[in-house]
Amino acid sequence: MSFGAVTTEPYVQLGRSGLFVYRVGIGTMQFGWSVDEAGAFDVLDAYAEAGGNFIDTADCYSSWSASMGGPVNAGGVSEEIVGRWLASRGNRDEMVVATKVRAAMGEQFSDHRGTAAQREGLSRRWIMKACDDSLRRLGVDHIDLYQAHFIDPLVPIEETMSAFTDLVRAGKVRYLGCSNFSAWRLVESLWASDMRNLESFVSVQPEYSLVDPVRSHVEMELAPMCAHYGIGMIPYSPLAGGLLTGKYRRDQPLPDSVRAEENAENRFSDTNWDIIETLVEVAAEEGQTPAQAAIDWLRSKPWVSAPIVGANRPDQLRATIAGLDSRLSPDALAKLDEVSSFRRSRPSLET
């Protein structure tokens, strides 16, 4: 860990805050989308059995599909599933529950700012309402980590941080975080909080993995900013939508899935194929799966607190968690750093 933070494996300190979370969080965007409620309960049970305590959701997750026999709606389903699981297991006090606010909510996500309801954004009006809605869906009296899902360029950051501060001081929220913020936006929020004696963000949740250009986007500015100011980083999509699981190989047929089509359109490049091939080789040499090696590379970064992983089935989650006690060798990490580096002729960020 960085910042001189205390680490008590398998739990890690979130930045410089007093919050300790399991070394990987469990993401729940798939609950109510590709995983029904019974399957979600199985995944959460497997996570808790491993010692996991960090559940990440959002108000806009997710819509029931017709194939699951439920109505299509505009979010809240994941929070409701998590809430029912917490109630049925009686373990609320053991769990760090994180959710988010910002995205449009309402039937078919139609209630945008151009309507009377204006059910979106980071305004005081919507944050206060959205928080109460999330508390109700989760069935809890407080949210452990309440996150701004992405920026709102129409609302002054001072208004946003003031509203978040009131929620903390009212006891509805314990800690504040943000997601998909650039470094300068995050610094702006820290400055506003410092100048106005407001609560500040303790974490940021970016997309971050070995693949290009995701790595460069994070490491050019956000990573050094987090290291300097003691902000915990909890990256999502550490396997790049399955790209780093080993099931994609150069010049071989793609898996038959929507995700494979999305990756083919957005992420397949010569650089990323080189990364995948090196990852597969390194994982074999180290006795890990490619997915385990990709997550361990991420955990090796001093600015990363806990990656957020997703799973559709308990066996997928157990396979990921099984690799957390086996750390990659310095040589293996160096190979992955080299093949994925965006500054090969420059000093590394770690120096």
Protein backbone atom coordinates (compact mmCIF):
# COMPACT_ATOMS: atom_id res chain seq x y z
CA MET A 1 0.00 0.00 0.00
CA SER A 2 0.98 3.59 -0.56
CA PHE A 3 0.56 6.68 1.65
CA GLY A 4 2.05 4.78 4.62
CA ALA A 5 -1.35 3.16 5.08
CA VAL A 6 -1.80 0.21 7.41
CA THR A 7 -2.59 -3.05 5.62
CA THR A 8 -4.12 -5.97 7.46
CA GLU A 9 -4.52 -8.66 4.83
CA PRO A 10 -6.92 -9.49 3.38
CA TYR A 11 -8.24 -5.97 4.08
CA VAL A 12 -6.73 -2.74 2.79
CA GLN A 13 -7.08 0.89 3.75
CA LEU A 14 -9.04 3.04 1.31
CA GLY A 15 -6.60 5.86 0.62
CA ARG A 16 -5.95 7.81 3.81
CA SER A 17 -9.46 7.29 5.13
CA GLY A 18 -10.31 5.14 8.13
CA LEU A 19 -12.23 2.71 5.93
CA PHE A 20 -10.84 -0.80 5.38
CA VAL A 21 -12.21 -2.96 2.58
CA TYR A 22 -11.55 -6.43 1.23
CA ARG A 23 -8.68 -6.59 -1.27
CA VAL A 24 -11.16 -6.90 -4.15
CA GLY A 25 -14.65 -5.46 -4.23
CA ILE A 26 -17.61 -7.18 -5.86
CA GLY A 27 -19.34 -5.24 -8.61
CA THR A 28 -23.08 -5.73 -9.05
CA MET A 29 -23.94 -4.09 -12.38
CA GLN A 30 -24.86 -7.54 -13.73
CA PHE A 31 -27.45 -8.20 -11.00
CA GLY A 32 -30.86 -8.02 -12.61
CA TRP A 33 -29.29 -7.95 -16.07
CA SER A 34 -27.23 -11.04 -16.87
CA VAL A 35 -27.73 -12.57 -13.41
CA ASP A 36 -31.11 -13.13 -11.78
CA GLU A 37 -31.72 -12.67 -8.06
CA ALA A 38 -31.01 -16.27 -7.06
CA GLY A 39 -27.74 -16.20 -9.00
CA ALA A 40 -26.82 -12.85 -7.44
CA PHE A 41 -27.40 -14.29 -3.96
CA ASP A 42 -25.07 -17.20 -4.82
CA VAL A 43 -22.33 -14.82 -5.98
CA LEU A 44 -22.67 -12.63 -2.89
CA ASP A 45 -22.64 -15.69 -0.62
CA ALA A 46 -19.40 -16.89 -2.23
CA TYR A 47 -17.88 -13.43 -1.82
CA ALA A 48 -18.86 -13.19 1.86
CA GLU A 49 -17.61 -16.73 2.55
CA ALA A 50 -14.19 -15.67 1.25
CA GLY A 51 -14.13 -12.75 3.69
CA GLY A 52 -15.34 -10.13 1.22
CA ASN A 53 -17.00 -7.04 2.67
CA PHE A 54 -17.04 -4.47 -0.16
CA ILE A 55 -20.17 -4.39 -2.36
CA ASP A 56 -20.30 -1.80 -5.14
CA THR A 57 -23.57 -0.91 -6.88
CA ALA A 58 -25.30 2.16 -8.34
CA ASP A 59 -28.81 3.57 -8.47
CA CYS A 60 -28.95 3.11 -12.25
CA TYR A 61 -28.08 -0.63 -12.15
CA SER A 62 -29.85 -2.39 -13.89
CA SER A 63 -32.81 -3.35 -16.07
CA TRP A 64 -34.60 -6.66 -15.96
CA SER A 65 -34.57 -8.28 -19.37
CA ALA A 66 -37.62 -9.86 -20.89
CA SER A 67 -35.85 -13.23 -20.77
CA MET A 68 -35.84 -13.03 -16.98
CA GLY A 69 -39.58 -12.60 -16.89
CA GLY A 70 -39.51 -9.14 -15.34
CA PRO A 71 -40.49 -5.69 -16.51
CA VAL A 72 -37.94 -3.47 -18.18
CA ASN A 73 -37.28 -0.52 -15.90
CA ALA A 74 -34.76 2.22 -15.39
CA GLY A 75 -32.52 1.08 -12.62
CA GLY A 76 -32.69 0.35 -8.94
CA VAL A 77 -32.88 -3.42 -9.42
CA SER A 78 -29.30 -4.13 -8.33
CA GLU A 79 -29.71 -2.06 -5.16
CA GLU A 80 -32.93 -3.90 -4.35
CA ILE A 81 -31.25 -7.29 -4.82
CA VAL A 82 -28.32 -6.29 -2.63
CA GLY A 83 -30.75 -4.99 -0.02
CA ARG A 84 -32.74 -8.21 0.08
CA TRP A 85 -29.52 -10.24 0.35
CA LEU A 86 -28.31 -8.10 3.27
CA ALA A 87 -31.65 -8.50 5.03
CA SER A 88 -31.81 -12.25 4.45
CA ARG A 89 -28.24 -12.85 5.66
CA GLY A 90 -28.35 -10.45 8.59
CA ASN A 91 -24.83 -9.21 7.90
CA ARG A 92 -25.34 -5.50 7.22
CA ASP A 93 -22.80 -4.41 9.83
CA GLU A 94 -20.11 -6.61 8.26
CA MET A 95 -20.50 -5.11 4.78
CA VAL A 96 -19.20 -1.90 3.24
CA VAL A 97 -22.03 -0.88 0.93
CA ALA A 98 -21.12 1.51 -1.87
CA THR A 99 -23.53 3.03 -4.37
CA LYS A 100 -23.61 5.96 -6.78
CA VAL A 101 -25.66 8.93 -7.93
CA ARG A 102 -25.67 10.96 -11.15
CA ALA A 103 -27.24 8.88 -13.94
CA ALA A 104 -30.76 9.49 -15.20
CA MET A 105 -33.46 7.54 -13.38
CA GLY A 106 -37.10 6.91 -14.26
CA GLU A 107 -39.12 4.82 -16.67
CA GLN A 108 -36.86 3.86 -19.58
CA PHE A 109 -34.38 6.46 -18.30
CA SER A 110 -36.66 9.08 -19.85
CA ASP A 111 -36.74 11.58 -16.98
CA HIS A 112 -33.80 13.71 -17.98
CA ARG A 113 -33.20 17.36 -17.13
CA GLY A 114 -35.43 18.46 -19.95
CA THR A 115 -38.49 17.21 -18.07
CA ALA A 116 -40.25 18.43 -14.96
CA ALA A 117 -38.91 15.57 -12.82
CA GLN A 118 -35.24 16.20 -13.62
CA ARG A 119 -34.20 12.88 -12.13
CA GLU A 120 -30.47 13.04 -12.77
CA GLY A 121 -27.32 15.03 -12.09
CA LEU A 122 -25.28 16.20 -9.13
CA SER A 123 -27.50 19.07 -7.99
CA ARG A 124 -28.45 19.40 -4.33
CA ARG A 125 -32.07 18.74 -5.26
CA TRP A 126 -31.34 15.42 -6.96
CA ILE A 127 -28.57 14.17 -4.65
CA MET A 128 -30.80 14.47 -1.58
CA LYS A 129 -33.70 12.69 -3.29
CA ALA A 130 -31.51 10.02 -4.90
CA CYS A 131 -29.83 9.20 -1.60
CA ASP A 132 -33.17 8.61 0.11
CA ASP A 133 -34.25 6.42 -2.82
CA SER A 134 -31.06 4.35 -2.59
CA LEU A 135 -31.43 3.94 1.18
CA ARG A 136 -34.97 2.67 0.66
CA ARG A 137 -34.01 0.22 -2.08
CA LEU A 138 -31.03 -1.07 -0.10
CA GLY A 139 -33.07 -1.32 3.08
CA VAL A 140 -30.33 0.34 5.15
CA ASP A 141 -30.10 3.46 7.31
CA HIS A 142 -26.78 4.61 5.88
CA ILE A 143 -24.53 4.20 2.84
CA ASP A 144 -20.90 3.49 3.62
CA LEU A 145 -19.43 4.97 0.42
CA TYR A 146 -21.61 7.32 -1.64
CA GLN A 147 -20.07 8.12 -5.02
CA ALA A 148 -20.60 10.68 -7.76
CA HIS A 149 -20.95 8.31 -10.74
CA PHE A 150 -19.50 10.76 -13.26
CA ILE A 151 -19.09 14.50 -13.62
CA ASP A 152 -21.93 16.98 -14.00
CA PRO A 153 -20.60 19.98 -15.93
CA LEU A 154 -23.82 21.95 -15.35
CA VAL A 155 -23.58 22.01 -11.54
CA PRO A 156 -20.89 23.86 -9.55
CA ILE A 157 -18.70 21.42 -7.66
CA GLU A 158 -19.30 23.47 -4.49
CA GLU A 159 -23.02 22.70 -4.66
CA THR A 160 -22.33 19.00 -5.12
CA MET A 161 -19.86 18.76 -2.24
CA SER A 162 -22.12 20.81 0.04
CA ALA A 163 -25.02 18.42 -0.57
CA PHE A 164 -22.77 15.40 0.02
CA THR A 165 -21.50 17.02 3.23
CA ASP A 166 -25.03 17.46 4.55
CA LEU A 167 -25.70 13.76 3.94
CA VAL A 168 -22.59 12.79 5.91
CA ARG A 169 -23.47 15.11 8.78
CA ALA A 170 -27.04 13.81 8.81
CA GLY A 171 -25.71 10.27 9.27
CA LYS A 172 -27.06 8.99 5.95
CA VAL A 173 -23.58 8.57 4.42
CA ARG A 174 -20.24 7.66 5.98
CA TYR A 175 -17.66 8.36 3.24
CA LEU A 176 -17.67 10.07 -0.16
CA GLY A 177 -16.15 8.89 -3.43
CA CYS A 178 -16.29 9.62 -7.13
CA SER A 179 -16.18 7.58 -10.31
CA ASN A 180 -15.00 8.42 -13.82
CA PHE A 181 -13.50 11.75 -12.70
CA SER A 182 -10.44 13.18 -14.42
CA ALA A 183 -7.53 14.25 -12.25
CA TRP A 184 -8.28 17.95 -12.60
CA ARG A 185 -11.95 17.47 -11.72
CA LEU A 186 -10.99 15.53 -8.63
CA VAL A 187 -8.44 18.14 -7.57
CA GLU A 188 -11.07 20.85 -8.11
CA SER A 189 -13.41 19.00 -5.74
CA LEU A 190 -10.66 18.60 -3.11
CA TRP A 191 -9.88 22.30 -3.34
CA ALA A 192 -13.56 23.25 -2.95
CA SER A 193 -13.92 20.98 0.07
CA ASP A 194 -10.78 22.37 1.68
CA MET A 195 -11.73 26.02 1.09
CA ARG A 196 -15.29 25.63 2.36
CA ASN A 197 -14.73 23.14 5.18
CA LEU A 198 -16.74 20.45 3.41
CA GLU A 199 -16.39 16.68 3.40
CA SER A 200 -14.12 15.46 0.60
CA PHE A 201 -13.81 12.45 -1.68
CA VAL A 202 -11.69 9.64 -0.24
CA SER A 203 -11.74 7.44 -3.36
CA VAL A 204 -12.02 7.42 -7.12
CA GLN A 205 -13.29 4.62 -9.34
CA PRO A 206 -11.82 4.72 -12.86
CA GLU A 207 -11.74 2.10 -15.57
CA TYR A 208 -8.20 0.71 -15.32
CA SER A 209 -6.45 -2.37 -16.65
CA LEU A 210 -3.46 -3.48 -18.70
CA VAL A 211 -5.07 -2.65 -22.03
CA ASP A 212 -4.33 0.38 -24.18
CA PRO A 213 -5.40 3.19 -23.97
CA VAL A 214 -7.08 2.63 -20.59
CA ARG A 215 -3.78 2.31 -18.76
CA SER A 216 -2.34 5.50 -20.22
CA HIS A 217 -5.47 7.50 -19.40
CA VAL A 218 -5.14 6.60 -15.72
CA GLU A 219 -1.38 6.67 -15.27
CA MET A 220 -0.67 9.96 -17.03
CA GLU A 221 -2.41 12.08 -14.37
CA LEU A 222 -4.93 10.32 -12.13
CA ALA A 223 -2.53 7.80 -10.56
CA PRO A 224 0.12 10.33 -9.47
CA MET A 225 -2.63 12.61 -8.19
CA CYS A 226 -4.06 9.79 -6.05
CA ALA A 227 -0.62 8.92 -4.73
CA HIS A 228 0.11 12.56 -3.87
CA TYR A 229 -3.20 13.36 -2.16
CA GLY A 230 -3.87 9.96 -0.60
CA ILE A 231 -7.00 9.14 -2.61
CA GLY A 232 -7.88 5.46 -2.74
CA MET A 233 -8.29 4.01 -6.22
CA ILE A 234 -10.88 1.24 -6.69
CA PRO A 235 -10.70 0.43 -10.42
CA TYR A 236 -13.52 -1.21 -12.31
CA SER A 237 -13.27 -3.47 -15.36
CA PRO A 238 -9.86 -4.91 -14.36
CA LEU A 239 -10.27 -7.64 -17.00
CA ALA A 240 -11.30 -5.20 -19.75
CA GLY A 241 -14.66 -6.81 -20.44
CA GLY A 242 -13.16 -10.31 -20.55
CA LEU A 243 -10.33 -9.33 -22.88
CA LEU A 244 -7.74 -10.34 -20.27
CA THR A 245 -9.23 -13.71 -19.32
CA GLY A 246 -7.32 -15.65 -21.99
CA LYS A 247 -10.38 -16.56 -24.02
CA TYR A 248 -9.48 -14.06 -26.75
CA ARG A 249 -6.50 -14.96 -28.92
CA ARG A 250 -5.01 -13.38 -32.01
CA ASP A 251 -6.19 -14.88 -35.33
CA GLN A 252 -8.69 -17.19 -33.61
CA PRO A 253 -12.50 -17.10 -33.81
CA LEU A 254 -14.17 -14.86 -31.26
CA PRO A 255 -16.49 -16.20 -28.57
CA ASP A 256 -20.16 -15.93 -29.54
CA SER A 257 -21.27 -13.08 -27.28
CA VAL A 258 -22.32 -9.45 -27.31
CA ARG A 259 -19.27 -8.60 -25.19
CA ALA A 260 -16.97 -10.14 -27.81
CA GLU A 261 -18.54 -7.96 -30.49
CA GLU A 262 -18.05 -4.86 -28.32
CA ASN A 263 -14.40 -5.75 -27.72
CA ALA A 264 -13.82 -6.35 -31.42
CA GLU A 265 -15.16 -2.90 -32.20
CA ASN A 266 -13.41 -0.97 -29.43
CA ARG A 267 -10.41 -2.82 -28.01
CA PHE A 268 -8.77 -5.10 -30.53
CA SER A 269 -5.45 -3.65 -31.68
CA ASP A 270 -1.94 -4.92 -32.31
CA THR A 271 -0.84 -3.45 -28.99
CA ASN A 272 -3.60 -5.17 -27.05
CA TRP A 273 -2.97 -8.50 -28.79
CA ASP A 274 0.67 -8.21 -27.71
CA ILE A 275 -0.50 -7.53 -24.14
CA ILE A 276 -2.83 -10.55 -24.19
CA GLU A 277 -0.13 -12.87 -25.50
CA THR A 278 2.38 -11.71 -22.90
CA LEU A 279 -0.23 -12.01 -20.15
CA VAL A 280 -1.02 -15.60 -21.14
CA GLU A 281 2.69 -16.48 -21.17
CA VAL A 282 3.41 -14.80 -17.83
CA ALA A 283 0.38 -16.42 -16.17
CA ALA A 284 1.49 -19.88 -17.30
CA GLU A 285 5.00 -19.29 -15.99
CA GLU A 286 3.66 -18.09 -12.64
CA GLY A 287 1.05 -20.82 -12.22
CA GLN A 288 -1.87 -18.41 -12.45
CA THR A 289 -4.76 -17.93 -14.84
CA PRO A 290 -4.56 -14.87 -17.13
CA ALA A 291 -7.38 -13.26 -15.15
CA GLN A 292 -5.58 -13.79 -11.86
CA ALA A 293 -2.36 -12.37 -13.28
CA ALA A 294 -4.16 -9.31 -14.71
CA ILE A 295 -5.74 -8.53 -11.35
CA ASP A 296 -2.49 -9.13 -9.47
CA TRP A 297 -0.68 -6.72 -11.82
CA LEU A 298 -3.30 -4.12 -10.91
CA ARG A 299 -2.97 -4.81 -7.18
CA SER A 300 0.79 -4.34 -7.44
CA LYS A 301 0.31 -0.64 -8.20
CA PRO A 302 0.82 1.41 -5.02
CA TRP A 303 -2.03 3.79 -5.86
CA VAL A 304 -4.59 0.97 -6.17
CA SER A 305 -6.56 0.08 -3.05
CA ALA A 306 -8.93 -2.64 -4.25
CA PRO A 307 -10.00 -3.54 -7.81
CA ILE A 308 -13.70 -4.18 -8.32
CA VAL A 309 -14.42 -7.51 -10.01
CA GLY A 310 -17.63 -8.86 -11.45
CA ALA A 311 -18.91 -12.42 -11.65
CA ASN A 312 -21.97 -14.11 -13.08
CA ARG A 313 -21.40 -17.33 -11.16
CA PRO A 314 -19.81 -18.32 -7.83
CA ASP A 315 -17.17 -20.46 -9.57
CA GLN A 316 -15.99 -17.44 -11.56
CA LEU A 317 -15.62 -15.44 -8.37
CA ARG A 318 -13.88 -18.24 -6.50
CA ALA A 319 -11.38 -18.62 -9.35
CA THR A 320 -10.52 -14.93 -9.08
CA ILE A 321 -10.24 -14.95 -5.30
CA ALA A 322 -8.13 -18.12 -5.39
CA GLY A 323 -5.32 -16.19 -7.00
CA LEU A 324 -5.17 -13.36 -4.48
CA ASP A 325 -2.65 -15.05 -2.21
CA SER A 326 -0.20 -15.74 -5.05
CA ARG A 327 1.66 -12.61 -6.04
CA LEU A 328 3.42 -12.20 -9.37
CA SER A 329 7.21 -12.15 -9.31
CA PRO A 330 9.09 -8.88 -10.01
CA ASP A 331 10.17 -10.29 -13.39
CA ALA A 332 6.57 -11.09 -14.33
CA LEU A 333 5.39 -7.63 -13.33
CA ALA A 334 8.22 -6.08 -15.34
CA LYS A 335 7.21 -8.01 -18.46
CA LEU A 336 3.60 -6.85 -18.15
CA ASP A 337 4.67 -3.28 -17.46
CA GLU A 338 6.90 -3.29 -20.54
CA VAL A 339 4.42 -4.73 -23.02
CA SER A 340 1.63 -2.40 -21.86
CA SER A 341 3.75 0.71 -21.33
CA PHE A 342 2.81 3.91 -23.13
CA ARG A 343 6.16 5.53 -22.27
CA ARG A 344 8.72 2.86 -23.08
CA SER A 345 11.56 5.31 -23.59
CA ARG A 346 10.72 7.36 -20.49
CA PRO A 347 11.21 6.73 -16.77
CA SER A 348 8.44 4.59 -15.29
CA LEU A 349 5.76 6.17 -13.11
CA GLU A 350 6.94 4.16 -10.12
CA THR A 351 10.40 5.78 -10.01
